[in-house]
Amino acid sequence: MKVVIDFENGNLKLERDWHFMMVSNKHNEQNCRDYHKGRVQIETAIHASSQINLNDSENDGLVFPLDGTINDGNYLTACSGLLILDSVLNSDKCIGSQWNISFYLYDLQFDNCEIKFKFPIFITSDNGNKS
């Protein structure tokens, strides 16, 4: 899977094998798994995005609306959703060096079509403060 999230320019791009996404979803019916083949490309705009400092506790719990397209090689459909940025607290309840980016996308053409992922992000002191 290839994912590019650019908060500064407000873009999220994802490319993945459709079949793998369908098989890894325990809620899919078998006919859905057989229908989706090949690669899927998703491109969305991240609204109200800007440069983010992961050392700033004010950035915990940020929610960004998404809208864009899903291209599976046969169809180009509209999608919308949310991107959420959450910190993982240390044992002393302080923001640590791990964050999670979660996104939830919904295909607007088909009912009950949700694509969701959660990615961990680890920051170190030598890569700067910005993501």
C-alpha atoms as a PDB file:
ATOM      1  CA  MET A   1       0.000   0.000   0.000  1.00  0.00           C
ATOM      2  CA  LYS A   2       1.183   3.491  -0.793  1.00  0.00           C
ATOM      3  CA  VAL A   3      -0.154   6.412   1.264  1.00  0.00           C
ATOM      4  CA  VAL A   4       0.849  10.066   0.982  1.00  0.00           C
ATOM      5  CA  ILE A   5      -0.655  12.547   3.443  1.00  0.00           C
ATOM      6  CA  ASP A   6       0.338  16.181   2.912  1.00  0.00           C
ATOM      7  CA  PHE A   7      -1.221  18.380   5.600  1.00  0.00           C
ATOM      8  CA  GLU A   8       0.494  21.533   4.374  1.00  0.00           C
ATOM      9  CA  ASN A   9      -0.965  21.294   0.849  1.00  0.00           C
ATOM     10  CA  GLY A  10      -4.168  19.493   1.898  1.00  0.00           C
ATOM     11  CA  ASN A  11      -3.845  16.202  -0.026  1.00  0.00           C
ATOM     12  CA  LEU A  12      -4.308  12.527   0.804  1.00  0.00           C
ATOM     13  CA  LYS A  13      -3.456   9.882  -1.807  1.00  0.00           C
ATOM     14  CA  LEU A  14      -3.767   6.137  -1.368  1.00  0.00           C
ATOM     15  CA  GLU A  15      -3.044   3.252  -3.733  1.00  0.00           C
ATOM     16  CA  ARG A  16      -3.765  -0.341  -2.789  1.00  0.00           C
ATOM     17  CA  ASP A  17      -4.838  -3.695  -4.145  1.00  0.00           C
ATOM     18  CA  TRP A  18      -8.674  -3.840  -3.975  1.00  0.00           C
ATOM     19  CA  HIS A  19      -8.806  -7.563  -3.403  1.00  0.00           C
ATOM     20  CA  PHE A  20      -6.475  -7.362  -0.392  1.00  0.00           C
ATOM     21  CA  MET A  21      -8.641  -4.633   1.154  1.00  0.00           C
ATOM     22  CA  MET A  22     -11.790  -6.690   0.605  1.00  0.00           C
ATOM     23  CA  VAL A  23     -10.312  -9.920   2.003  1.00  0.00           C
ATOM     24  CA  SER A  24      -8.910  -8.158   5.082  1.00  0.00           C
ATOM     25  CA  ASN A  25     -12.378  -6.790   5.913  1.00  0.00           C
ATOM     26  CA  LYS A  26     -14.237  -9.403   7.937  1.00  0.00           C
ATOM     27  CA  HIS A  27     -17.584  -7.656   7.294  1.00  0.00           C
ATOM     28  CA  ASN A  28     -17.528  -8.082   3.498  1.00  0.00           C
ATOM     29  CA  GLU A  29     -19.668 -10.630   1.764  1.00  0.00           C
ATOM     30  CA  GLN A  30     -17.983 -13.110  -0.586  1.00  0.00           C
ATOM     31  CA  ASN A  31     -19.521 -11.553  -3.715  1.00  0.00           C
ATOM     32  CA  CYS A  32     -17.918  -8.194  -2.835  1.00  0.00           C
ATOM     33  CA  ARG A  33     -14.547  -9.875  -2.512  1.00  0.00           C
ATOM     34  CA  ASP A  34     -14.852 -11.435  -5.941  1.00  0.00           C
ATOM     35  CA  TYR A  35     -16.147  -8.238  -7.588  1.00  0.00           C
ATOM     36  CA  HIS A  36     -13.244  -5.935  -6.674  1.00  0.00           C
ATOM     37  CA  LYS A  37     -10.018  -6.739  -8.483  1.00  0.00           C
ATOM     38  CA  GLY A  38      -6.909  -4.767  -9.467  1.00  0.00           C
ATOM     39  CA  ARG A  39      -5.652  -1.616  -7.812  1.00  0.00           C
ATOM     40  CA  VAL A  40      -7.621   1.244  -6.374  1.00  0.00           C
ATOM     41  CA  GLN A  41      -6.439   4.850  -6.296  1.00  0.00           C
ATOM     42  CA  ILE A  42      -7.982   7.332  -3.911  1.00  0.00           C
ATOM     43  CA  GLU A  43      -7.259  11.048  -4.029  1.00  0.00           C
ATOM     44  CA  THR A  44      -8.856  13.482  -1.597  1.00  0.00           C
ATOM     45  CA  ALA A  45      -8.585  17.064  -0.478  1.00  0.00           C
ATOM     46  CA  ILE A  46      -7.970  17.582   3.242  1.00  0.00           C
ATOM     47  CA  HIS A  47     -10.025  20.654   4.118  1.00  0.00           C
ATOM     48  CA  ALA A  48      -8.773  23.247   6.624  1.00  0.00           C
ATOM     49  CA  SER A  49      -5.352  21.597   6.690  1.00  0.00           C
ATOM     50  CA  SER A  50      -2.105  23.333   7.517  1.00  0.00           C
ATOM     51  CA  GLN A  51       1.383  22.538   8.742  1.00  0.00           C
ATOM     52  CA  ILE A  52       1.170  20.548  12.003  1.00  0.00           C
ATOM     53  CA  ASN A  53       3.590  20.561  14.936  1.00  0.00           C
ATOM     54  CA  LEU A  54       3.440  17.140  16.606  1.00  0.00           C
ATOM     55  CA  ASN A  55       5.091  18.506  19.761  1.00  0.00           C
ATOM     56  CA  ASP A  56       2.111  20.814  20.336  1.00  0.00           C
ATOM     57  CA  SER A  57      -0.621  19.243  22.478  1.00  0.00           C
ATOM     58  CA  GLU A  58      -3.190  21.550  20.796  1.00  0.00           C
ATOM     59  CA  ASN A  59      -2.964  19.297  17.722  1.00  0.00           C
ATOM     60  CA  ASP A  60      -4.330  16.281  19.586  1.00  0.00           C
ATOM     61  CA  GLY A  61      -7.778  15.264  18.371  1.00  0.00           C
ATOM     62  CA  LEU A  62      -7.781  17.279  15.155  1.00  0.00           C
ATOM     63  CA  VAL A  63     -10.498  16.252  12.690  1.00  0.00           C
ATOM     64  CA  PHE A  64     -10.365  17.158   8.989  1.00  0.00           C
ATOM     65  CA  PRO A  65     -13.152  16.645   6.423  1.00  0.00           C
ATOM     66  CA  LEU A  66     -12.145  14.838   3.217  1.00  0.00           C
ATOM     67  CA  ASP A  67     -13.657  14.712  -0.251  1.00  0.00           C
ATOM     68  CA  GLY A  68     -12.319  13.297  -3.465  1.00  0.00           C
ATOM     69  CA  THR A  69     -12.466  10.350  -5.839  1.00  0.00           C
ATOM     70  CA  ILE A  70     -12.040   6.585  -5.861  1.00  0.00           C
ATOM     71  CA  ASN A  71     -10.689   5.144  -9.113  1.00  0.00           C
ATOM     72  CA  ASP A  72     -10.673   1.360  -9.440  1.00  0.00           C
ATOM     73  CA  GLY A  73      -9.736   1.274 -13.121  1.00  0.00           C
ATOM     74  CA  ASN A  74     -13.347   0.699 -14.203  1.00  0.00           C
ATOM     75  CA  TYR A  75     -15.221   3.393 -12.307  1.00  0.00           C
ATOM     76  CA  LEU A  76     -14.469   6.834 -10.965  1.00  0.00           C
ATOM     77  CA  THR A  77     -16.737   7.652  -8.021  1.00  0.00           C
ATOM     78  CA  ALA A  78     -16.942  10.438  -5.462  1.00  0.00           C
ATOM     79  CA  CYS A  79     -16.035   9.862  -1.831  1.00  0.00           C
ATOM     80  CA  SER A  80     -16.086  11.820   1.400  1.00  0.00           C
ATOM     81  CA  GLY A  81     -14.939  11.183   4.928  1.00  0.00           C
ATOM     82  CA  LEU A  82     -12.828  12.254   7.874  1.00  0.00           C
ATOM     83  CA  LEU A  83      -9.159  12.221   8.840  1.00  0.00           C
ATOM     84  CA  ILE A  84      -8.357  12.238  12.569  1.00  0.00           C
ATOM     85  CA  LEU A  85      -5.024  12.988  14.247  1.00  0.00           C
ATOM     86  CA  ASP A  86      -4.651  11.656  17.815  1.00  0.00           C
ATOM     87  CA  SER A  87      -1.669  11.455  20.137  1.00  0.00           C
ATOM     88  CA  VAL A  88      -0.874   8.302  22.066  1.00  0.00           C
ATOM     89  CA  LEU A  89      -0.322   9.340  25.673  1.00  0.00           C
ATOM     90  CA  ASN A  90       2.669   8.151  27.687  1.00  0.00           C
ATOM     91  CA  SER A  91       2.152   6.356  30.986  1.00  0.00           C
ATOM     92  CA  ASP A  92       2.394   9.766  32.723  1.00  0.00           C
ATOM     93  CA  LYS A  93      -0.521  11.037  30.544  1.00  0.00           C
ATOM     94  CA  CYS A  94       1.739  13.360  28.527  1.00  0.00           C
ATOM     95  CA  ILE A  95       1.930  13.511  24.752  1.00  0.00           C
ATOM     96  CA  GLY A  96       4.663  11.151  23.660  1.00  0.00           C
ATOM     97  CA  SER A  97       6.447  10.351  20.435  1.00  0.00           C
ATOM     98  CA  GLN A  98       3.602   8.333  18.874  1.00  0.00           C
ATOM     99  CA  TRP A  99       0.547   9.650  17.046  1.00  0.00           C
ATOM    100  CA  ASN A 100      -2.182   7.890  15.109  1.00  0.00           C
ATOM    101  CA  ILE A 101      -3.695   9.065  11.851  1.00  0.00           C
ATOM    102  CA  SER A 102      -7.068   7.460  11.168  1.00  0.00           C
ATOM    103  CA  PHE A 103      -9.187   8.017   8.139  1.00  0.00           C
ATOM    104  CA  TYR A 104     -12.666   6.944   7.198  1.00  0.00           C
ATOM    105  CA  LEU A 105     -13.796   7.218   3.578  1.00  0.00           C
ATOM    106  CA  TYR A 106     -17.242   6.528   2.179  1.00  0.00           C
ATOM    107  CA  ASP A 107     -17.992   5.787  -1.472  1.00  0.00           C
ATOM    108  CA  LEU A 108     -20.946   8.067  -2.265  1.00  0.00           C
ATOM    109  CA  GLN A 109     -22.251   5.815  -5.062  1.00  0.00           C
ATOM    110  CA  PHE A 110     -22.600   2.625  -3.023  1.00  0.00           C
ATOM    111  CA  ASP A 111     -24.316   2.224   0.347  1.00  0.00           C
ATOM    112  CA  ASN A 112     -22.299   0.586   3.099  1.00  0.00           C
ATOM    113  CA  CYS A 113     -18.927   1.079   1.397  1.00  0.00           C
ATOM    114  CA  GLU A 114     -16.469   2.274   4.038  1.00  0.00           C
ATOM    115  CA  ILE A 115     -12.686   2.313   3.749  1.00  0.00           C
ATOM    116  CA  LYS A 116     -10.876   2.891   7.029  1.00  0.00           C
ATOM    117  CA  PHE A 117      -7.284   2.727   8.186  1.00  0.00           C
ATOM    118  CA  LYS A 118      -5.256   3.671  11.246  1.00  0.00           C
ATOM    119  CA  PHE A 119      -1.558   4.452  10.831  1.00  0.00           C
ATOM    120  CA  PRO A 120       0.918   4.985  13.671  1.00  0.00           C
ATOM    121  CA  ILE A 121       3.404   7.841  13.346  1.00  0.00           C
ATOM    122  CA  PHE A 122       6.553   7.985  15.461  1.00  0.00           C
ATOM    123  CA  ILE A 123       8.512  11.205  15.865  1.00  0.00           C
ATOM    124  CA  THR A 124      12.097  11.550  16.948  1.00  0.00           C
ATOM    125  CA  SER A 125      13.963  14.622  18.112  1.00  0.00           C
ATOM    126  CA  ASP A 126      16.246  14.641  15.059  1.00  0.00           C
ATOM    127  CA  ASN A 127      13.514  14.885  12.370  1.00  0.00           C
ATOM    128  CA  GLY A 128      12.110  18.228  13.484  1.00  0.00           C
ATOM    129  CA  ASN A 129       8.761  19.105  14.929  1.00  0.00           C
ATOM    130  CA  LYS A 130       6.599  19.174  11.851  1.00  0.00           C
ATOM    131  CA  SER A 131       4.739  16.510   9.943  1.00  0.00           C
END
